[in-house]
Amino acid sequence: MRPCAVRIWTNRLEKSLRFYTEILPFSIKIDGSEDGWIIIGTPSIDLILEADDGEWSARYIGLSFWVDDIRQTH
């Protein structure tokens, strides 16, 4: 089992994108900004930036794990 993605809700999608791609070494993998999300990442992990009005961005981060066999892990 290994972490594979982190979901980050933000009320400033474009500003967050600039931070992660200009300051940190992430690159855009999938641009879903028309729908309010962008997947950026490195070869080992993805960050899912998701637009939010403040309800989620103030309190939550989502973490996804990769497992070889979900039934066995569960």
N, C-alpha and C. Protein backbone atom coordinates (compact mmCIF):
# COMPACT_ATOMS: atom_id res chain seq x y z
N MET A 1 0.85 -1.17 0.00
CA MET A 1 0.00 0.00 0.00
C MET A 1 0.90 1.23 0.00
N ARG A 2 0.51 2.20 -0.83
CA ARG A 2 1.27 3.45 -0.87
C ARG A 2 0.33 4.61 -1.19
N PRO A 3 0.63 5.79 -0.64
CA PRO A 3 -0.18 6.96 -1.00
C PRO A 3 -0.04 7.22 -2.50
N CYS A 4 -1.13 7.56 -3.16
CA CYS A 4 -1.06 7.84 -4.60
C CYS A 4 -1.65 9.18 -4.98
N ALA A 5 -2.53 9.74 -4.14
CA ALA A 5 -3.13 11.02 -4.48
C ALA A 5 -3.61 11.74 -3.22
N VAL A 6 -3.48 13.04 -3.28
CA VAL A 6 -3.98 13.89 -2.21
C VAL A 6 -4.93 14.90 -2.83
N ARG A 7 -6.14 14.97 -2.32
CA ARG A 7 -7.13 15.93 -2.82
C ARG A 7 -7.09 17.15 -1.92
N ILE A 8 -6.91 18.30 -2.55
CA ILE A 8 -6.84 19.57 -1.82
C ILE A 8 -7.93 20.49 -2.35
N TRP A 9 -8.86 20.85 -1.49
CA TRP A 9 -9.91 21.79 -1.88
C TRP A 9 -9.38 23.21 -1.68
N THR A 10 -9.70 24.08 -2.62
CA THR A 10 -9.21 25.44 -2.55
C THR A 10 -10.25 26.41 -3.09
N ASN A 11 -10.30 27.59 -2.50
CA ASN A 11 -11.20 28.62 -3.05
C ASN A 11 -10.42 29.55 -3.99
N ARG A 12 -9.17 29.19 -4.29
CA ARG A 12 -8.34 29.95 -5.23
C ARG A 12 -7.60 28.97 -6.13
N LEU A 13 -8.32 28.37 -7.04
CA LEU A 13 -7.77 27.31 -7.89
C LEU A 13 -6.55 27.77 -8.69
N GLU A 14 -6.66 28.89 -9.39
CA GLU A 14 -5.54 29.37 -10.22
C GLU A 14 -4.32 29.75 -9.37
N LYS A 15 -4.54 30.38 -8.24
CA LYS A 15 -3.43 30.75 -7.36
C LYS A 15 -2.76 29.49 -6.80
N SER A 16 -3.55 28.51 -6.41
CA SER A 16 -2.99 27.24 -5.93
C SER A 16 -2.19 26.55 -7.02
N LEU A 17 -2.72 26.55 -8.23
CA LEU A 17 -2.02 25.94 -9.35
C LEU A 17 -0.66 26.60 -9.57
N ARG A 18 -0.62 27.91 -9.55
CA ARG A 18 0.66 28.62 -9.72
C ARG A 18 1.64 28.25 -8.61
N PHE A 19 1.19 28.16 -7.38
CA PHE A 19 2.06 27.80 -6.28
C PHE A 19 2.68 26.42 -6.49
N TYR A 20 1.84 25.43 -6.78
CA TYR A 20 2.34 24.06 -6.90
C TYR A 20 3.19 23.84 -8.15
N THR A 21 2.96 24.61 -9.21
CA THR A 21 3.74 24.39 -10.43
C THR A 21 4.90 25.36 -10.61
N GLU A 22 4.85 26.53 -9.98
CA GLU A 22 5.93 27.50 -10.12
C GLU A 22 6.90 27.49 -8.95
N ILE A 23 6.41 27.22 -7.74
CA ILE A 23 7.25 27.19 -6.55
C ILE A 23 7.68 25.75 -6.23
N LEU A 24 6.75 24.83 -6.31
CA LEU A 24 7.04 23.42 -6.05
C LEU A 24 7.17 22.67 -7.38
N PRO A 25 7.79 21.48 -7.38
CA PRO A 25 8.09 20.79 -8.63
C PRO A 25 6.97 19.91 -9.19
N PHE A 26 5.73 20.39 -9.17
CA PHE A 26 4.62 19.63 -9.73
C PHE A 26 4.32 20.11 -11.14
N SER A 27 3.80 19.22 -11.97
CA SER A 27 3.39 19.61 -13.31
C SER A 27 1.95 19.18 -13.54
N ILE A 28 1.29 19.84 -14.48
CA ILE A 28 -0.10 19.52 -14.78
C ILE A 28 -0.17 18.18 -15.49
N LYS A 29 -1.03 17.30 -14.98
CA LYS A 29 -1.27 16.00 -15.61
C LYS A 29 -2.58 16.02 -16.39
N ILE A 30 -3.63 16.53 -15.76
CA ILE A 30 -4.94 16.64 -16.41
C ILE A 30 -5.55 17.98 -16.02
N ASP A 31 -5.92 18.77 -17.01
CA ASP A 31 -6.52 20.08 -16.74
C ASP A 31 -8.03 19.99 -16.86
N GLY A 32 -8.68 19.88 -15.72
CA GLY A 32 -10.14 19.87 -15.68
C GLY A 32 -10.66 21.18 -15.10
N SER A 33 -9.90 22.26 -15.30
CA SER A 33 -10.26 23.54 -14.69
C SER A 33 -11.63 24.04 -15.13
N GLU A 34 -12.07 23.65 -16.32
CA GLU A 34 -13.43 24.04 -16.76
C GLU A 34 -14.48 23.46 -15.82
N ASP A 35 -14.17 22.33 -15.21
CA ASP A 35 -15.08 21.68 -14.28
C ASP A 35 -14.70 21.91 -12.82
N GLY A 36 -13.66 22.72 -12.57
CA GLY A 36 -13.30 23.08 -11.21
C GLY A 36 -12.25 22.21 -10.55
N TRP A 37 -11.44 21.49 -11.34
CA TRP A 37 -10.39 20.66 -10.75
C TRP A 37 -9.21 20.55 -11.72
N ILE A 38 -8.05 20.29 -11.15
CA ILE A 38 -6.83 20.09 -11.93
C ILE A 38 -6.02 19.02 -11.21
N ILE A 39 -5.51 18.05 -11.96
CA ILE A 39 -4.62 17.05 -11.37
C ILE A 39 -3.19 17.43 -11.74
N ILE A 40 -2.39 17.61 -10.73
CA ILE A 40 -0.97 17.90 -10.92
C ILE A 40 -0.19 16.82 -10.18
N GLY A 41 1.09 16.73 -10.46
CA GLY A 41 1.81 15.70 -9.72
C GLY A 41 3.26 15.55 -10.10
N THR A 42 3.83 14.53 -9.52
CA THR A 42 5.18 14.07 -9.79
C THR A 42 5.04 12.61 -10.21
N PRO A 43 6.10 11.95 -10.60
CA PRO A 43 5.96 10.53 -10.94
C PRO A 43 5.44 9.66 -9.80
N SER A 44 5.61 10.09 -8.56
CA SER A 44 5.22 9.23 -7.44
C SER A 44 3.89 9.58 -6.78
N ILE A 45 3.36 10.78 -6.99
CA ILE A 45 2.10 11.15 -6.33
C ILE A 45 1.37 12.24 -7.11
N ASP A 46 0.06 12.20 -7.05
CA ASP A 46 -0.78 13.22 -7.68
C ASP A 46 -1.40 14.10 -6.60
N LEU A 47 -1.59 15.37 -6.95
CA LEU A 47 -2.39 16.29 -6.14
C LEU A 47 -3.60 16.65 -6.98
N ILE A 48 -4.75 16.56 -6.40
CA ILE A 48 -5.98 16.92 -7.08
C ILE A 48 -6.45 18.23 -6.46
N LEU A 49 -6.29 19.32 -7.19
CA LEU A 49 -6.76 20.62 -6.73
C LEU A 49 -8.20 20.75 -7.15
N GLU A 50 -9.07 21.03 -6.22
CA GLU A 50 -10.49 21.10 -6.52
C GLU A 50 -11.08 22.40 -5.99
N ALA A 51 -11.76 23.12 -6.87
CA ALA A 51 -12.38 24.39 -6.49
C ALA A 51 -13.48 24.16 -5.48
N ASP A 52 -13.56 25.09 -4.53
CA ASP A 52 -14.54 24.98 -3.46
C ASP A 52 -14.86 26.38 -2.98
N ASP A 53 -16.06 26.56 -2.47
CA ASP A 53 -16.49 27.87 -1.98
C ASP A 53 -16.03 28.16 -0.56
N GLY A 54 -15.29 27.25 0.05
CA GLY A 54 -14.79 27.46 1.40
C GLY A 54 -15.28 26.43 2.39
N GLU A 55 -16.37 25.74 2.08
CA GLU A 55 -16.90 24.75 3.01
C GLU A 55 -15.92 23.59 3.23
N TRP A 56 -15.39 23.06 2.14
CA TRP A 56 -14.44 21.94 2.24
C TRP A 56 -13.01 22.43 2.44
N SER A 57 -12.63 23.50 1.74
CA SER A 57 -11.24 23.94 1.76
C SER A 57 -10.77 24.39 3.14
N ALA A 58 -11.68 24.77 3.97
CA ALA A 58 -11.31 25.22 5.31
C ALA A 58 -11.07 24.06 6.27
N ARG A 59 -11.52 22.84 5.90
CA ARG A 59 -11.48 21.77 6.89
C ARG A 59 -10.92 20.43 6.43
N TYR A 60 -10.88 20.15 5.13
CA TYR A 60 -10.59 18.79 4.71
C TYR A 60 -9.47 18.68 3.69
N ILE A 61 -8.78 17.56 3.75
CA ILE A 61 -7.86 17.11 2.72
C ILE A 61 -8.18 15.62 2.53
N GLY A 62 -8.20 15.16 1.30
CA GLY A 62 -8.47 13.75 1.04
C GLY A 62 -7.18 13.03 0.69
N LEU A 63 -7.04 11.80 1.11
CA LEU A 63 -5.84 11.00 0.84
C LEU A 63 -6.27 9.67 0.24
N SER A 64 -5.68 9.32 -0.90
CA SER A 64 -5.98 8.04 -1.55
C SER A 64 -4.75 7.15 -1.51
N PHE A 65 -4.97 5.85 -1.35
CA PHE A 65 -3.88 4.88 -1.32
C PHE A 65 -4.03 3.91 -2.48
N TRP A 66 -2.90 3.47 -3.00
CA TRP A 66 -2.88 2.44 -4.03
C TRP A 66 -2.60 1.12 -3.35
N VAL A 67 -3.41 0.12 -3.64
CA VAL A 67 -3.19 -1.23 -3.13
C VAL A 67 -3.28 -2.19 -4.30
N ASP A 68 -2.59 -3.30 -4.20
CA ASP A 68 -2.61 -4.29 -5.28
C ASP A 68 -3.93 -5.03 -5.34
N ASP A 69 -4.54 -5.28 -4.20
CA ASP A 69 -5.78 -6.04 -4.15
C ASP A 69 -6.70 -5.41 -3.10
N ILE A 70 -7.70 -4.67 -3.54
CA ILE A 70 -8.56 -3.93 -2.62
C ILE A 70 -9.35 -4.87 -1.71
N ARG A 71 -9.79 -6.01 -2.25
CA ARG A 71 -10.56 -6.96 -1.43
C ARG A 71 -9.70 -7.54 -0.32
N GLN A 72 -8.48 -7.91 -0.64
CA GLN A 72 -7.59 -8.47 0.37
C GLN A 72 -7.23 -7.41 1.40
N THR A 73 -6.98 -6.19 0.97
CA THR A 73 -6.62 -5.11 1.89
C THR A 73 -7.78 -4.78 2.82
N HIS A 74 -8.99 -4.77 2.25
CA HIS A 74 -10.17 -4.45 3.05
C HIS A 74 -10.42 -5.52 4.08
